[in-house]
């Protein structure tokens, strides 16, 4: 429970930082470049918060190349993560 609270706080902090970044830079390529790292970090945080096991499996199995078995496990982990994310989206 403590870890979930910490993860949520981290995501909220990233969301505020991204919002502030968007306020500092007008729409366009400059904003995209300046805020890209925050956008990616927030996306990864939210996915990890909503689907922690699946997200961790993708990080573990897909982080580097490997055998055919590992690539197959990576693809399965990616599919499981996709299903998890889809299950949290409104119909």
PDB file of N, CA and C in Angstrom:
ATOM      1  N   UNK A   1       0.820  -1.187   0.000  1.00  0.00           N
ATOM      2  CA  UNK A   1       0.000   0.000   0.000  1.00  0.00           C
ATOM      3  C   UNK A   1       0.868   1.255   0.000  1.00  0.00           C
ATOM      4  N   UNK A   2       1.932   1.228   0.781  1.00  0.00           N
ATOM      5  CA  UNK A   2       2.847   2.374   0.846  1.00  0.00           C
ATOM      6  C   UNK A   2       3.484   2.630  -0.520  1.00  0.00           C
ATOM      7  N   UNK A   3       3.862   1.554  -1.222  1.00  0.00           N
ATOM      8  CA  UNK A   3       4.474   1.702  -2.537  1.00  0.00           C
ATOM      9  C   UNK A   3       3.491   2.318  -3.531  1.00  0.00           C
ATOM     10  N   UNK A   4       2.228   1.904  -3.485  1.00  0.00           N
ATOM     11  CA  UNK A   4       1.216   2.464  -4.385  1.00  0.00           C
ATOM     12  C   UNK A   4       1.042   3.954  -4.127  1.00  0.00           C
ATOM     13  N   UNK A   5       1.067   4.363  -2.876  1.00  0.00           N
ATOM     14  CA  UNK A   5       0.924   5.781  -2.530  1.00  0.00           C
ATOM     15  C   UNK A   5       2.115   6.570  -3.067  1.00  0.00           C
ATOM     16  N   UNK A   6       3.317   5.992  -2.922  1.00  0.00           N
ATOM     17  CA  UNK A   6       4.527   6.649  -3.414  1.00  0.00           C
ATOM     18  C   UNK A   6       4.476   6.769  -4.937  1.00  0.00           C
ATOM     19  N   UNK A   7       4.052   5.700  -5.618  1.00  0.00           N
ATOM     20  CA  UNK A   7       3.951   5.722  -7.073  1.00  0.00           C
ATOM     21  C   UNK A   7       2.955   6.777  -7.526  1.00  0.00           C
ATOM     22  N   UNK A   8       1.823   6.867  -6.834  1.00  0.00           N
ATOM     23  CA  UNK A   8       0.819   7.861  -7.189  1.00  0.00           C
ATOM     24  C   UNK A   8       1.368   9.265  -6.996  1.00  0.00           C
ATOM     25  N   UNK A   9       2.073   9.494  -5.896  1.00  0.00           N
ATOM     26  CA  UNK A   9       2.675  10.799  -5.638  1.00  0.00           C
ATOM     27  C   UNK A   9       3.687  11.137  -6.728  1.00  0.00           C
ATOM     28  N   UNK A  10       4.484  10.160  -7.128  1.00  0.00           N
ATOM     29  CA  UNK A  10       5.465  10.378  -8.194  1.00  0.00           C
ATOM     30  C   UNK A  10       4.770  10.769  -9.496  1.00  0.00           C
ATOM     31  N   UNK A  11       3.686  10.075  -9.839  1.00  0.00           N
ATOM     32  CA  UNK A  11       2.943  10.393 -11.061  1.00  0.00           C
ATOM     33  C   UNK A  11       2.324  11.787 -10.970  1.00  0.00           C
ATOM     34  N   UNK A  12       1.799  12.144  -9.813  1.00  0.00           N
ATOM     35  CA  UNK A  12       1.220  13.478  -9.640  1.00  0.00           C
ATOM     36  C   UNK A  12       2.281  14.560  -9.783  1.00  0.00           C
ATOM     37  N   UNK A  13       3.465  14.307  -9.247  1.00  0.00           N
ATOM     38  CA  UNK A  13       4.572  15.259  -9.362  1.00  0.00           C
ATOM     39  C   UNK A  13       4.969  15.434 -10.828  1.00  0.00           C
ATOM     40  N   UNK A  14       5.055  14.343 -11.562  1.00  0.00           N
ATOM     41  CA  UNK A  14       5.387  14.412 -12.985  1.00  0.00           C
ATOM     42  C   UNK A  14       4.304  15.139 -13.774  1.00  0.00           C
ATOM     43  N   UNK A  15       3.051  14.915 -13.405  1.00  0.00           N
ATOM     44  CA  UNK A  15       1.948  15.590 -14.101  1.00  0.00           C
ATOM     45  C   UNK A  15       2.030  17.107 -13.891  1.00  0.00           C
ATOM     46  N   UNK A  16       2.323  17.528 -12.672  1.00  0.00           N
ATOM     47  CA  UNK A  16       2.481  18.967 -12.404  1.00  0.00           C
ATOM     48  C   UNK A  16       3.650  19.544 -13.192  1.00  0.00           C
ATOM     49  N   UNK A  17       4.754  18.816 -13.213  1.00  0.00           N
ATOM     50  CA  UNK A  17       5.935  19.286 -13.944  1.00  0.00           C
ATOM     51  C   UNK A  17       5.639  19.396 -15.442  1.00  0.00           C
ATOM     52  N   UNK A  18       4.922  18.432 -15.987  1.00  0.00           N
ATOM     53  CA  UNK A  18       4.562  18.477 -17.403  1.00  0.00           C
ATOM     54  C   UNK A  18       3.630  19.654 -17.686  1.00  0.00           C
ATOM     55  N   UNK A  19       2.685  19.883 -16.805  1.00  0.00           N
ATOM     56  CA  UNK A  19       1.773  21.017 -16.954  1.00  0.00           C
ATOM     57  C   UNK A  19       2.541  22.339 -16.928  1.00  0.00           C
ATOM     58  N   UNK A  20       3.485  22.455 -16.012  1.00  0.00           N
ATOM     59  CA  UNK A  20       4.309  23.664 -15.934  1.00  0.00           C
ATOM     60  C   UNK A  20       5.156  23.833 -17.191  1.00  0.00           C
ATOM     61  N   UNK A  21       5.676  22.738 -17.707  1.00  0.00           N
ATOM     62  CA  UNK A  21       6.464  22.783 -18.936  1.00  0.00           C
ATOM     63  C   UNK A  21       5.596  23.289 -20.087  1.00  0.00           C
ATOM     64  N   UNK A  22       4.364  22.813 -20.168  1.00  0.00           N
ATOM     65  CA  UNK A  22       3.446  23.247 -21.219  1.00  0.00           C
ATOM     66  C   UNK A  22       3.106  24.734 -21.075  1.00  0.00           C
ATOM     67  N   UNK A  23       3.071  25.226 -19.859  1.00  0.00           N
ATOM     68  CA  UNK A  23       2.792  26.640 -19.645  1.00  0.00           C
ATOM     69  C   UNK A  23       3.978  27.507 -20.056  1.00  0.00           C
ATOM     70  N   UNK A  24       5.183  27.006 -19.854  1.00  0.00           N
ATOM     71  CA  UNK A  24       6.395  27.766 -20.186  1.00  0.00           C
ATOM     72  C   UNK A  24       6.620  27.873 -21.682  1.00  0.00           C
ATOM     73  N   UNK A  25       6.238  26.863 -22.429  1.00  0.00           N
ATOM     74  CA  UNK A  25       6.512  26.825 -23.862  1.00  0.00           C
ATOM     75  C   UNK A  25       5.206  26.775 -24.638  1.00  0.00           C
ATOM     76  N   UNK A  26       5.129  27.582 -25.684  1.00  0.00           N
ATOM     77  CA  UNK A  26       3.942  27.566 -26.542  1.00  0.00           C
ATOM     78  C   UNK A  26       3.893  26.295 -27.368  1.00  0.00           C
ATOM     79  N   UNK A  27       2.731  26.030 -27.955  1.00  0.00           N
ATOM     80  CA  UNK A  27       2.587  24.832 -28.787  1.00  0.00           C
ATOM     81  C   UNK A  27       3.614  24.822 -29.921  1.00  0.00           C
ATOM     82  N   UNK A  28       4.060  23.637 -30.257  1.00  0.00           N
ATOM     83  CA  UNK A  28       4.976  23.491 -31.380  1.00  0.00           C
ATOM     84  C   UNK A  28       6.181  22.633 -31.043  1.00  0.00           C
ATOM     85  N   UNK A  29       7.144  22.703 -31.945  1.00  0.00           N
ATOM     86  CA  UNK A  29       8.322  21.842 -31.844  1.00  0.00           C
ATOM     87  C   UNK A  29       9.157  22.124 -30.594  1.00  0.00           C
ATOM     88  N   UNK A  30       9.230  23.403 -30.197  1.00  0.00           N
ATOM     89  CA  UNK A  30      10.023  23.737 -29.013  1.00  0.00           C
ATOM     90  C   UNK A  30       9.428  23.085 -27.773  1.00  0.00           C
ATOM     91  N   UNK A  31       8.116  23.185 -27.623  1.00  0.00           N
ATOM     92  CA  UNK A  31       7.459  22.542 -26.475  1.00  0.00           C
ATOM     93  C   UNK A  31       7.654  21.037 -26.529  1.00  0.00           C
ATOM     94  N   UNK A  32       7.462  20.468 -27.708  1.00  0.00           N
ATOM     95  CA  UNK A  32       7.621  19.016 -27.844  1.00  0.00           C
ATOM     96  C   UNK A  32       9.000  18.570 -27.377  1.00  0.00           C
ATOM     97  N   UNK A  33      10.030  19.298 -27.812  1.00  0.00           N
ATOM     98  CA  UNK A  33      11.394  18.936 -27.439  1.00  0.00           C
ATOM     99  C   UNK A  33      11.650  19.175 -25.957  1.00  0.00           C
ATOM    100  N   UNK A  34      11.170  20.310 -25.445  1.00  0.00           N
ATOM    101  CA  UNK A  34      11.439  20.666 -24.052  1.00  0.00           C
ATOM    102  C   UNK A  34      10.713  19.760 -23.062  1.00  0.00           C
ATOM    103  N   UNK A  35       9.536  19.308 -23.425  1.00  0.00           N
ATOM    104  CA  UNK A  35       8.699  18.546 -22.479  1.00  0.00           C
ATOM    105  C   UNK A  35       8.702  17.046 -22.740  1.00  0.00           C
ATOM    106  N   UNK A  36       9.413  16.598 -23.761  1.00  0.00           N
ATOM    107  CA  UNK A  36       9.383  15.186 -24.168  1.00  0.00           C
ATOM    108  C   UNK A  36       9.735  14.242 -23.024  1.00  0.00           C
ATOM    109  N   UNK A  37      10.792  14.567 -22.279  1.00  0.00           N
ATOM    110  CA  UNK A  37      11.237  13.663 -21.207  1.00  0.00           C
ATOM    111  C   UNK A  37      10.181  13.559 -20.107  1.00  0.00           C
ATOM    112  N   UNK A  38       9.476  14.658 -19.825  1.00  0.00           N
ATOM    113  CA  UNK A  38       8.431  14.615 -18.803  1.00  0.00           C
ATOM    114  C   UNK A  38       7.217  13.840 -19.295  1.00  0.00           C
ATOM    115  N   UNK A  39       6.884  14.026 -20.564  1.00  0.00           N
ATOM    116  CA  UNK A  39       5.753  13.308 -21.138  1.00  0.00           C
ATOM    117  C   UNK A  39       5.993  11.798 -21.085  1.00  0.00           C
ATOM    118  N   UNK A  40       7.189  11.385 -21.464  1.00  0.00           N
ATOM    119  CA  UNK A  40       7.525   9.962 -21.450  1.00  0.00           C
ATOM    120  C   UNK A  40       7.553   9.413 -20.019  1.00  0.00           C
ATOM    121  N   UNK A  41       8.153  10.183 -19.107  1.00  0.00           N
ATOM    122  CA  UNK A  41       8.239   9.741 -17.714  1.00  0.00           C
ATOM    123  C   UNK A  41       6.849   9.592 -17.098  1.00  0.00           C
ATOM    124  N   UNK A  42       5.951  10.538 -17.392  1.00  0.00           N
ATOM    125  CA  UNK A  42       4.589  10.445 -16.865  1.00  0.00           C
ATOM    126  C   UNK A  42       3.868   9.233 -17.451  1.00  0.00           C
ATOM    127  N   UNK A  43       4.019   9.017 -18.744  1.00  0.00           N
ATOM    128  CA  UNK A  43       3.374   7.855 -19.375  1.00  0.00           C
ATOM    129  C   UNK A  43       3.864   6.559 -18.735  1.00  0.00           C
ATOM    130  N   UNK A  44       5.167   6.429 -18.554  1.00  0.00           N
ATOM    131  CA  UNK A  44       5.721   5.217 -17.939  1.00  0.00           C
ATOM    132  C   UNK A  44       5.249   5.065 -16.494  1.00  0.00           C
ATOM    133  N   UNK A  45       5.160   6.177 -15.777  1.00  0.00           N
ATOM    134  CA  UNK A  45       4.706   6.137 -14.392  1.00  0.00           C
ATOM    135  C   UNK A  45       3.259   5.652 -14.310  1.00  0.00           C
ATOM    136  N   UNK A  46       2.397   6.207 -15.169  1.00  0.00           N
ATOM    137  CA  UNK A  46       0.988   5.826 -15.150  1.00  0.00           C
ATOM    138  C   UNK A  46       0.800   4.356 -15.525  1.00  0.00           C
ATOM    139  N   UNK A  47       1.523   3.907 -16.529  1.00  0.00           N
ATOM    140  CA  UNK A  47       1.418   2.503 -16.935  1.00  0.00           C
ATOM    141  C   UNK A  47       1.905   1.601 -15.802  1.00  0.00           C
ATOM    142  N   UNK A  48       2.989   1.969 -15.161  1.00  0.00           N
ATOM    143  CA  UNK A  48       3.503   1.174 -14.043  1.00  0.00           C
ATOM    144  C   UNK A  48       2.542   1.172 -12.859  1.00  0.00           C
ATOM    145  N   UNK A  49       1.840   2.270 -12.665  1.00  0.00           N
ATOM    146  CA  UNK A  49       0.876   2.368 -11.564  1.00  0.00           C
ATOM    147  C   UNK A  49      -0.344   1.481 -11.825  1.00  0.00           C
ATOM    148  N   UNK A  50      -0.832   1.504 -13.065  1.00  0.00           N
ATOM    149  CA  UNK A  50      -2.055   0.777 -13.408  1.00  0.00           C
ATOM    150  C   UNK A  50      -1.794  -0.715 -13.627  1.00  0.00           C
ATOM    151  N   UNK A  51      -0.670  -1.051 -14.230  1.00  0.00           N
ATOM    152  CA  UNK A  51      -0.346  -2.450 -14.556  1.00  0.00           C
ATOM    153  C   UNK A  51       1.072  -2.781 -14.066  1.00  0.00           C
ATOM    154  N   UNK A  52       1.271  -2.820 -12.764  1.00  0.00           N
ATOM    155  CA  UNK A  52       2.647  -2.958 -12.246  1.00  0.00           C
ATOM    156  C   UNK A  52       3.344  -4.259 -12.631  1.00  0.00           C
ATOM    157  N   UNK A  53       2.659  -5.381 -12.531  1.00  0.00           N
ATOM    158  CA  UNK A  53       3.314  -6.660 -12.831  1.00  0.00           C
ATOM    159  C   UNK A  53       3.657  -6.765 -14.309  1.00  0.00           C
ATOM    160  N   UNK A  54       2.705  -6.390 -15.154  1.00  0.00           N
ATOM    161  CA  UNK A  54       2.914  -6.477 -16.597  1.00  0.00           C
ATOM    162  C   UNK A  54       4.012  -5.511 -17.053  1.00  0.00           C
ATOM    163  N   UNK A  55       4.011  -4.334 -16.483  1.00  0.00           N
ATOM    164  CA  UNK A  55       5.020  -3.334 -16.818  1.00  0.00           C
ATOM    165  C   UNK A  55       6.421  -3.820 -16.429  1.00  0.00           C
ATOM    166  N   UNK A  56       6.516  -4.383 -15.255  1.00  0.00           N
ATOM    167  CA  UNK A  56       7.805  -4.907 -14.789  1.00  0.00           C
ATOM    168  C   UNK A  56       8.269  -6.067 -15.670  1.00  0.00           C
ATOM    169  N   UNK A  57       7.345  -6.914 -16.088  1.00  0.00           N
ATOM    170  CA  UNK A  57       7.700  -8.037 -16.964  1.00  0.00           C
ATOM    171  C   UNK A  57       8.274  -7.528 -18.283  1.00  0.00           C
ATOM    172  N   UNK A  58       7.665  -6.485 -18.846  1.00  0.00           N
ATOM    173  CA  UNK A  58       8.185  -5.916 -20.102  1.00  0.00           C
ATOM    174  C   UNK A  58       9.571  -5.333 -19.875  1.00  0.00           C
ATOM    175  N   UNK A  59       9.742  -4.588 -18.785  1.00  0.00           N
ATOM    176  CA  UNK A  59      11.069  -4.010 -18.493  1.00  0.00           C
ATOM    177  C   UNK A  59      12.125  -5.102 -18.347  1.00  0.00           C
ATOM    178  N   UNK A  60      11.773  -6.164 -17.674  1.00  0.00           N
ATOM    179  CA  UNK A  60      12.722  -7.249 -17.415  1.00  0.00           C
ATOM    180  C   UNK A  60      13.037  -8.053 -18.675  1.00  0.00           C
ATOM    181  N   UNK A  61      12.009  -8.415 -19.414  1.00  0.00           N
ATOM    182  CA  UNK A  61      12.190  -9.329 -20.539  1.00  0.00           C
ATOM    183  C   UNK A  61      12.565  -8.639 -21.847  1.00  0.00           C
ATOM    184  N   UNK A  62      12.268  -7.360 -21.971  1.00  0.00           N
ATOM    185  CA  UNK A  62      12.479  -6.675 -23.255  1.00  0.00           C
ATOM    186  C   UNK A  62      13.616  -5.658 -23.208  1.00  0.00           C
ATOM    187  N   UNK A  63      14.351  -5.623 -22.106  1.00  0.00           N
ATOM    188  CA  UNK A  63      15.396  -4.625 -21.940  1.00  0.00           C
ATOM    189  C   UNK A  63      16.607  -4.826 -22.820  1.00  0.00           C
ATOM    190  N   UNK A  64      16.823  -6.017 -23.300  1.00  0.00           N
ATOM    191  CA  UNK A  64      17.990  -6.283 -24.145  1.00  0.00           C
ATOM    192  C   UNK A  64      17.676  -7.458 -25.048  1.00  0.00           C
ATOM    193  N   UNK A  65      18.527  -7.658 -26.017  1.00  0.00           N
ATOM    194  CA  UNK A  65      18.357  -8.783 -26.924  1.00  0.00           C
ATOM    195  C   UNK A  65      18.555 -10.091 -26.178  1.00  0.00           C
ATOM    196  N   UNK A  66      18.367 -11.159 -26.876  1.00  0.00           N
ATOM    197  CA  UNK A  66      18.573 -12.441 -26.222  1.00  0.00           C
ATOM    198  C   UNK A  66      18.196 -13.591 -27.122  1.00  0.00           C
ATOM    199  N   UNK A  67      17.929 -14.693 -26.510  1.00  0.00           N
ATOM    200  CA  UNK A  67      17.588 -15.909 -27.236  1.00  0.00           C
ATOM    201  C   UNK A  67      16.193 -15.796 -27.838  1.00  0.00           C
ATOM    202  N   UNK A  68      15.871 -16.737 -28.685  1.00  0.00           N
ATOM    203  CA  UNK A  68      14.531 -16.788 -29.278  1.00  0.00           C
ATOM    204  C   UNK A  68      13.482 -16.925 -28.171  1.00  0.00           C
ATOM    205  N   UNK A  69      13.788 -17.687 -27.135  1.00  0.00           N
ATOM    206  CA  UNK A  69      12.861 -17.858 -26.013  1.00  0.00           C
ATOM    207  C   UNK A  69      12.612 -16.513 -25.318  1.00  0.00           C
ATOM    208  N   UNK A  70      13.681 -15.777 -25.061  1.00  0.00           N
ATOM    209  CA  UNK A  70      13.523 -14.485 -24.391  1.00  0.00           C
ATOM    210  C   UNK A  70      12.725 -13.518 -25.257  1.00  0.00           C
ATOM    211  N   UNK A  71      12.971 -13.507 -26.565  1.00  0.00           N
ATOM    212  CA  UNK A  71      12.204 -12.632 -27.465  1.00  0.00           C
ATOM    213  C   UNK A  71      10.733 -13.025 -27.453  1.00  0.00           C
ATOM    214  N   UNK A  72      10.471 -14.309 -27.410  1.00  0.00           N
ATOM    215  CA  UNK A  72       9.098 -14.789 -27.351  1.00  0.00           C
ATOM    216  C   UNK A  72       8.438 -14.372 -26.029  1.00  0.00           C
ATOM    217  N   UNK A  73       9.176 -14.488 -24.936  1.00  0.00           N
ATOM    218  CA  UNK A  73       8.655 -14.065 -23.628  1.00  0.00           C
ATOM    219  C   UNK A  73       8.417 -12.556 -23.610  1.00  0.00           C
ATOM    220  N   UNK A  74       9.284 -11.803 -24.263  1.00  0.00           N
ATOM    221  CA  UNK A  74       9.119 -10.354 -24.366  1.00  0.00           C
ATOM    222  C   UNK A  74       7.828 -10.034 -25.112  1.00  0.00           C
ATOM    223  N   UNK A  75       7.594 -10.691 -26.217  1.00  0.00           N
ATOM    224  CA  UNK A  75       6.370 -10.445 -26.988  1.00  0.00           C
ATOM    225  C   UNK A  75       5.133 -10.789 -26.165  1.00  0.00           C
ATOM    226  N   UNK A  76       5.182 -11.880 -25.427  1.00  0.00           N
ATOM    227  CA  UNK A  76       4.054 -12.268 -24.574  1.00  0.00           C
ATOM    228  C   UNK A  76       3.831 -11.229 -23.481  1.00  0.00           C
ATOM    229  N   UNK A  77       4.909 -10.728 -22.892  1.00  0.00           N
ATOM    230  CA  UNK A  77       4.805  -9.692 -21.859  1.00  0.00           C
ATOM    231  C   UNK A  77       4.209  -8.409 -22.432  1.00  0.00           C
ATOM    232  N   UNK A  78       4.628  -8.050 -23.637  1.00  0.00           N
ATOM    233  CA  UNK A  78       4.080  -6.853 -24.280  1.00  0.00           C
ATOM    234  C   UNK A  78       2.586  -7.015 -24.541  1.00  0.00           C
ATOM    235  N   UNK A  79       2.185  -8.188 -24.971  1.00  0.00           N
ATOM    236  CA  UNK A  79       0.772  -8.456 -25.211  1.00  0.00           C
ATOM    237  C   UNK A  79      -0.012  -8.378 -23.901  1.00  0.00           C
ATOM    238  N   UNK A  80       0.507  -8.958 -22.844  1.00  0.00           N
ATOM    239  CA  UNK A  80      -0.160  -8.904 -21.538  1.00  0.00           C
ATOM    240  C   UNK A  80      -0.292  -7.462 -21.054  1.00  0.00           C
ATOM    241  N   UNK A  81       0.733  -6.657 -21.268  1.00  0.00           N
ATOM    242  CA  UNK A  81       0.670  -5.248 -20.875  1.00  0.00           C
ATOM    243  C   UNK A  81      -0.387  -4.519 -21.697  1.00  0.00           C
ATOM    244  N   UNK A  82      -0.435  -4.784 -22.972  1.00  0.00           N
ATOM    245  CA  UNK A  82      -1.435  -4.161 -23.839  1.00  0.00           C
ATOM    246  C   UNK A  82      -2.852  -4.512 -23.393  1.00  0.00           C
ATOM    247  N   UNK A  83      -3.073  -5.766 -23.061  1.00  0.00           N
ATOM    248  CA  UNK A  83      -4.389  -6.204 -22.584  1.00  0.00           C
ATOM    249  C   UNK A  83      -4.732  -5.514 -21.270  1.00  0.00           C
ATOM    250  N   UNK A  84      -3.766  -5.416 -20.373  1.00  0.00           N
ATOM    251  CA  UNK A  84      -3.998  -4.749 -19.093  1.00  0.00           C
ATOM    252  C   UNK A  84      -4.374  -3.287 -19.301  1.00  0.00           C
ATOM    253  N   UNK A  85      -3.617  -2.596 -20.138  1.00  0.00           N
ATOM    254  CA  UNK A  85      -3.910  -1.177 -20.397  1.00  0.00           C
ATOM    255  C   UNK A  85      -5.302  -1.040 -21.010  1.00  0.00           C
ATOM    256  N   UNK A  86      -5.610  -1.887 -21.977  1.00  0.00           N
ATOM    257  CA  UNK A  86      -6.927  -1.835 -22.617  1.00  0.00           C
ATOM    258  C   UNK A  86      -8.060  -2.060 -21.630  1.00  0.00           C
ATOM    259  N   UNK A  87      -7.819  -2.912 -20.653  1.00  0.00           N
ATOM    260  CA  UNK A  87      -8.878  -3.207 -19.677  1.00  0.00           C
ATOM    261  C   UNK A  87      -9.189  -2.022 -18.783  1.00  0.00           C
ATOM    262  N   UNK A  88      -8.297  -1.026 -18.737  1.00  0.00           N
ATOM    263  CA  UNK A  88      -8.511   0.162 -17.922  1.00  0.00           C
ATOM    264  C   UNK A  88      -9.042   1.349 -18.712  1.00  0.00           C
ATOM    265  N   UNK A  89      -9.225   1.172 -20.020  1.00  0.00           N
ATOM    266  CA  UNK A  89      -9.744   2.256 -20.840  1.00  0.00           C
ATOM    267  C   UNK A  89     -11.259   2.175 -20.905  1.00  0.00           C
ATOM    268  N   UNK A  90     -11.914   3.340 -20.955  1.00  0.00           N
ATOM    269  CA  UNK A  90     -13.372   3.319 -21.065  1.00  0.00           C
ATOM    270  C   UNK A  90     -13.806   2.726 -22.404  1.00  0.00           C
ATOM    271  N   UNK A  91     -14.946   2.111 -22.393  1.00  0.00           N
ATOM    272  CA  UNK A  91     -15.466   1.471 -23.628  1.00  0.00           C
ATOM    273  C   UNK A  91     -15.869   2.447 -24.674  1.00  0.00           C
TER     274      UNK A  91
END
